[in-house]
Amino acid sequence: MTRQEFDIVEFFYMDLNMNKDSFCTAYQKNTDGFATKIQREFYEEKFKKERGSKQEILALQNQLKKFSKESTDLRKKIERLQCWTLYENSQCFSDKHYKELYECIFAEKLSEEKAIEVITYTLGFSPEKISILTKAKVYEINRDKEFDFNQNYH
């Protein structure tokens, strides 16, 4: 017998004007459907609690969906208000200049190996110390001059 079942049996015992022995005998023998009535009461009570719990869970899930949507909407609004833009370091070659150089018909496009060869010959660097980067980190900055360090590459 579970604790919940015992609580229902105890509730019936306290509610009836019977001594302990008479109550136990009536329950064990199911006199006039006594034990069945108690068990039915137990299952009805259990069903009510479960139904209430399911309704509560559904209500909480709906509330969570609502909060999640509100959170997403607020996050988007904050992003808009912060005015994020691409950050270009004035001490580095700008995207505009890279694009102009890439599109220049007078500039020779080199493979990585050829570029290393040219740098080694021209500047005297050791080839194994040279790394050619084909992608650059892109930083964003907002109106408050805060950086977005979740960099993307392009």
Protein backbone atom coordinates (compact mmCIF):
# COMPACT_ATOMS: atom_id res chain seq x y z
CA MET A 1 0.00 0.00 0.00
CA THR A 2 1.42 3.38 -1.02
CA ARG A 3 1.45 6.43 1.21
CA GLN A 4 -1.29 8.01 -0.92
CA GLU A 5 -3.49 4.92 -0.56
CA PHE A 6 -2.89 4.90 3.20
CA ASP A 7 -3.89 8.57 3.42
CA ILE A 8 -7.22 7.82 1.71
CA VAL A 9 -7.85 4.80 3.97
CA GLU A 10 -6.98 6.90 7.00
CA PHE A 11 -9.32 9.65 5.82
CA PHE A 12 -12.20 7.13 5.61
CA TYR A 13 -11.31 5.64 8.99
CA MET A 14 -11.31 9.06 10.66
CA ASP A 15 -14.55 10.02 8.91
CA LEU A 16 -16.45 6.89 9.97
CA ASN A 17 -17.65 6.11 13.43
CA MET A 18 -16.09 2.61 13.56
CA ASN A 19 -13.48 1.04 15.78
CA LYS A 20 -10.20 -0.05 14.26
CA ASP A 21 -10.94 -3.79 14.19
CA SER A 22 -14.37 -3.35 12.54
CA PHE A 23 -12.90 -0.98 9.97
CA CYS A 24 -10.02 -3.37 9.10
CA THR A 25 -12.38 -6.36 8.85
CA ALA A 26 -14.79 -4.44 6.59
CA TYR A 27 -11.88 -3.30 4.41
CA GLN A 28 -10.29 -6.76 4.14
CA LYS A 29 -13.60 -8.50 3.36
CA ASN A 30 -14.76 -5.61 1.13
CA THR A 31 -18.07 -5.59 3.01
CA ASP A 32 -20.71 -3.80 0.93
CA GLY A 33 -17.94 -2.78 -1.53
CA PHE A 34 -16.18 -0.85 1.25
CA ALA A 35 -12.59 -1.46 0.00
CA THR A 36 -13.68 -0.88 -3.61
CA LYS A 37 -15.20 2.47 -2.62
CA ILE A 38 -11.96 3.49 -0.88
CA GLN A 39 -9.86 2.41 -3.87
CA ARG A 40 -12.17 4.26 -6.27
CA GLU A 41 -11.80 7.36 -4.12
CA PHE A 42 -8.03 6.92 -4.21
CA TYR A 43 -7.94 6.65 -8.03
CA GLU A 44 -10.32 9.57 -8.51
CA GLU A 45 -8.14 11.71 -6.27
CA LYS A 46 -5.03 10.56 -8.11
CA PHE A 47 -6.67 11.30 -11.48
CA LYS A 48 -7.67 14.81 -10.32
CA LYS A 49 -4.10 15.54 -9.20
CA GLU A 50 -2.60 14.19 -12.44
CA ARG A 51 -5.08 16.14 -14.56
CA GLY A 52 -4.29 19.25 -12.54
CA SER A 53 -0.57 18.62 -12.95
CA LYS A 54 -0.94 18.14 -16.71
CA GLN A 55 -2.92 21.37 -16.99
CA GLU A 56 -0.29 23.15 -14.91
CA ILE A 57 2.49 21.75 -17.13
CA LEU A 58 0.65 22.88 -20.28
CA ALA A 59 0.13 26.34 -18.81
CA LEU A 60 3.82 26.56 -17.88
CA GLN A 61 4.86 25.38 -21.36
CA ASN A 62 2.66 28.06 -22.94
CA GLN A 63 4.12 30.66 -20.62
CA LEU A 64 7.64 29.49 -21.50
CA LYS A 65 6.86 29.83 -25.23
CA LYS A 66 5.53 33.33 -24.61
CA PHE A 67 8.63 34.33 -22.61
CA SER A 68 10.91 32.79 -25.22
CA LYS A 69 9.24 34.80 -27.99
CA GLU A 70 9.40 37.97 -25.88
CA SER A 71 13.07 37.30 -25.17
CA THR A 72 13.80 36.87 -28.89
CA ASP A 73 11.88 40.05 -29.73
CA LEU A 74 13.72 42.01 -27.02
CA ARG A 75 17.09 40.65 -28.17
CA LYS A 76 16.31 41.83 -31.73
CA LYS A 77 15.23 45.22 -30.44
CA ILE A 78 18.45 45.59 -28.42
CA GLU A 79 20.49 44.63 -31.50
CA ARG A 80 18.72 47.35 -33.53
CA LEU A 81 19.21 49.94 -30.80
CA GLN A 82 22.91 49.17 -30.47
CA CYS A 83 23.48 49.97 -34.16
CA TRP A 84 26.08 47.29 -34.92
CA THR A 85 28.34 48.05 -37.89
CA LEU A 86 31.45 46.48 -39.36
CA TYR A 87 34.60 47.70 -37.67
CA GLU A 88 37.56 48.64 -39.81
CA ASN A 89 40.87 49.36 -38.14
CA SER A 90 42.33 52.49 -39.76
CA GLN A 91 45.83 51.07 -39.30
CA CYS A 92 44.99 48.01 -41.44
CA PHE A 93 44.22 47.53 -45.11
CA SER A 94 40.49 48.22 -45.51
CA ASP A 95 37.99 45.91 -47.21
CA LYS A 96 37.56 48.59 -49.86
CA HIS A 97 41.27 48.61 -50.63
CA TYR A 98 41.42 44.80 -50.69
CA LYS A 99 38.54 44.74 -53.16
CA GLU A 100 40.20 47.38 -55.36
CA LEU A 101 43.46 45.45 -55.34
CA TYR A 102 41.70 42.17 -56.13
CA GLU A 103 39.82 43.71 -59.04
CA CYS A 104 42.87 45.54 -60.43
CA ILE A 105 43.71 44.22 -63.88
CA PHE A 106 47.39 45.18 -63.50
CA ALA A 107 47.95 43.12 -60.33
CA GLU A 108 49.03 39.50 -60.71
CA LYS A 109 47.05 37.04 -58.61
CA LEU A 110 49.49 34.68 -56.88
CA SER A 111 49.04 31.23 -55.41
CA GLU A 112 50.01 30.88 -51.74
CA GLU A 113 53.27 29.13 -52.72
CA LYS A 114 54.18 31.88 -55.22
CA ALA A 115 53.33 34.59 -52.66
CA ILE A 116 55.65 32.95 -50.11
CA GLU A 117 58.36 32.76 -52.76
CA VAL A 118 58.02 36.48 -53.59
CA ILE A 119 58.03 37.53 -49.91
CA THR A 120 61.07 35.35 -49.23
CA TYR A 121 62.99 36.77 -52.19
CA THR A 122 61.89 40.40 -51.72
CA LEU A 123 62.00 40.75 -47.94
CA GLY A 124 64.38 37.96 -46.97
CA PHE A 125 62.02 36.12 -44.61
CA SER A 126 62.42 32.41 -44.03
CA PRO A 127 59.65 30.58 -45.98
CA GLU A 128 58.67 28.35 -43.03
CA LYS A 129 57.97 31.47 -40.96
CA ILE A 130 55.47 32.88 -43.47
CA SER A 131 51.74 32.19 -43.19
CA ILE A 132 49.38 33.39 -45.89
CA LEU A 133 45.97 34.19 -44.51
CA THR A 134 43.09 33.73 -46.93
CA LYS A 135 40.38 34.82 -44.52
CA ALA A 136 40.25 37.72 -42.11
CA LYS A 137 38.33 38.13 -38.89
CA VAL A 138 35.45 40.54 -39.16
CA TYR A 139 34.64 42.54 -36.06
CA GLU A 140 31.53 44.54 -35.36
CA ILE A 141 31.26 47.60 -33.18
CA ASN A 142 28.17 49.27 -31.75
CA ARG A 143 27.36 52.91 -31.17
CA ASP A 144 28.84 52.64 -27.65
CA LYS A 145 32.16 51.45 -29.17
CA GLU A 146 31.73 47.94 -27.78
CA PHE A 147 33.14 45.13 -29.90
CA ASP A 148 31.40 41.92 -30.86
CA PHE A 149 34.06 39.30 -30.25
CA ASN A 150 32.00 36.53 -31.89
CA GLN A 151 34.01 37.08 -35.05
CA ASN A 152 33.06 35.77 -38.42
CA TYR A 153 35.54 35.19 -41.17
CA HIS A 154 35.37 36.30 -44.76
